[in-house]
Structures are given as structure tokens and as C-alpha cells.
Amino acid sequence: MDKRQIRKYKRMVETMRLAESRYTRSLVESMSSSCGDDTIASLEGSQRMLEEDIRKLRALLDGPFDVSEDEIIKTDEPMRPMD
């Protein structure tokens, strides 16, 4: 793997962790509340967040490898997803 592929992989992993964390947190909150319209709305919100994060991951995978030289220097730091 060259440096560009490694950086892209790190961005993808970080984005996946963020998506999993957001979805899990939202799901736990909705499941711990009483069942009803609020729970359904919360679950629908969780689903929308997950779908948004999946779109971001797909865009990241389909996007270019090119990044700035500053990001090359920071390869040991966790990468944030590009918006």
C-alpha cells in the first residue's frame, strides 16, 4: 500500500467508527426511552444518520486519493472524514 491508500483507509476507518458510534448512541437512547411515537421518531432519526454516514463513506471510497502535504505529515494522527 502506498501512502495515499493508507491515508484513504485511515479516513474510511475513522468515518466508520464515527458512524457506528453515532448510530449506537442514538439507538441506545431510543431503546431506553418509553415506547411510543418518540421512540419511532428517534429510530427514524438514527436511520437517517446512518444513511448519511454510509453516503459519506461511499463518497470517500469513490473520491480521489490526493490530499495536501500537511496531511501527509500527519499520517500518524487519526484522520477526520472530508466533508
Protein backbone atom coordinates (compact mmCIF):
# COMPACT_ATOMS: atom_id res chain seq x y z
CA MET A 1 0.00 0.00 0.00
CA ASP A 2 1.28 3.43 -0.80
CA LYS A 3 0.80 6.45 1.48
CA ARG A 4 -2.29 7.65 -0.36
CA GLN A 5 -4.04 4.33 0.09
CA ILE A 6 -3.08 4.24 3.77
CA ARG A 7 -4.47 7.74 4.32
CA LYS A 8 -7.68 6.89 2.50
CA TYR A 9 -8.02 3.73 4.57
CA LYS A 10 -7.48 5.68 7.81
CA ARG A 11 -10.14 8.22 6.80
CA MET A 12 -12.54 5.41 5.98
CA VAL A 13 -11.93 3.63 9.30
CA GLU A 14 -12.39 6.87 11.25
CA THR A 15 -15.62 7.64 9.39
CA MET A 16 -16.90 4.13 10.06
CA ARG A 17 -16.11 4.43 13.77
CA LEU A 18 -17.92 7.76 13.95
CA ALA A 19 -20.94 6.35 12.11
CA GLU A 20 -21.08 3.32 14.39
CA SER A 21 -20.76 5.46 17.50
CA ARG A 22 -23.48 7.91 16.43
CA TYR A 23 -25.87 5.15 15.41
CA THR A 24 -25.28 3.08 18.55
CA ARG A 25 -25.71 6.08 20.85
CA SER A 26 -28.94 7.08 19.15
CA LEU A 27 -30.25 3.51 19.17
CA VAL A 28 -29.49 3.05 22.88
CA GLU A 29 -31.17 6.35 23.72
CA SER A 30 -34.28 5.42 21.79
CA MET A 31 -34.45 1.91 23.24
CA SER A 32 -34.04 3.15 26.82
CA SER A 33 -36.93 5.58 26.49
CA SER A 34 -40.54 4.56 26.72
CA CYS A 35 -42.03 3.04 23.60
CA GLY A 36 -44.21 5.31 21.53
CA ASP A 37 -44.12 7.95 18.85
CA ASP A 38 -40.94 9.46 20.30
CA THR A 39 -39.17 6.10 20.04
CA ILE A 40 -40.23 5.67 16.44
CA ALA A 41 -39.11 9.20 15.59
CA SER A 42 -35.79 8.61 17.33
CA LEU A 43 -35.24 5.35 15.43
CA GLU A 44 -36.08 7.10 12.16
CA GLY A 45 -33.55 9.80 13.05
CA SER A 46 -30.95 7.11 13.75
CA GLN A 47 -31.67 5.53 10.39
CA ARG A 48 -31.24 8.88 8.60
CA MET A 49 -27.92 9.48 10.37
CA LEU A 50 -26.71 6.02 9.41
CA GLU A 51 -27.74 6.52 5.78
CA GLU A 52 -25.94 9.88 5.72
CA ASP A 53 -22.78 8.30 7.11
CA ILE A 54 -22.99 5.50 4.55
CA ARG A 55 -23.21 8.11 1.77
CA LYS A 56 -20.13 9.83 3.19
CA LEU A 57 -18.25 6.53 3.23
CA ARG A 58 -19.21 5.80 -0.36
CA ALA A 59 -18.09 9.28 -1.41
CA LEU A 60 -14.81 8.76 0.42
CA LEU A 61 -14.22 5.43 -1.29
CA ASP A 62 -15.09 6.86 -4.70
CA GLY A 63 -13.19 10.11 -4.17
CA PRO A 64 -9.66 10.99 -5.18
CA PHE A 65 -6.66 9.93 -3.15
CA ASP A 66 -4.99 13.32 -3.36
CA VAL A 67 -4.51 15.28 -0.14
CA SER A 68 -2.34 18.20 0.89
CA GLU A 69 1.27 17.82 2.03
CA ASP A 70 0.22 18.86 5.54
CA GLU A 71 -1.95 15.74 5.75
CA ILE A 72 0.96 13.60 4.60
CA ILE A 73 2.99 14.80 7.57
CA LYS A 74 0.10 13.94 9.92
CA THR A 75 -0.27 10.32 8.81
CA ASP A 76 0.17 9.03 12.36
CA GLU A 77 -2.70 11.14 13.66
CA PRO A 78 -6.32 9.96 13.32
CA MET A 79 -7.80 11.34 10.13
CA ARG A 80 -11.16 13.09 10.04
CA PRO A 81 -13.58 12.46 7.19
CA MET A 82 -13.63 15.01 4.44
CA ASP A 83 -16.95 16.85 4.19
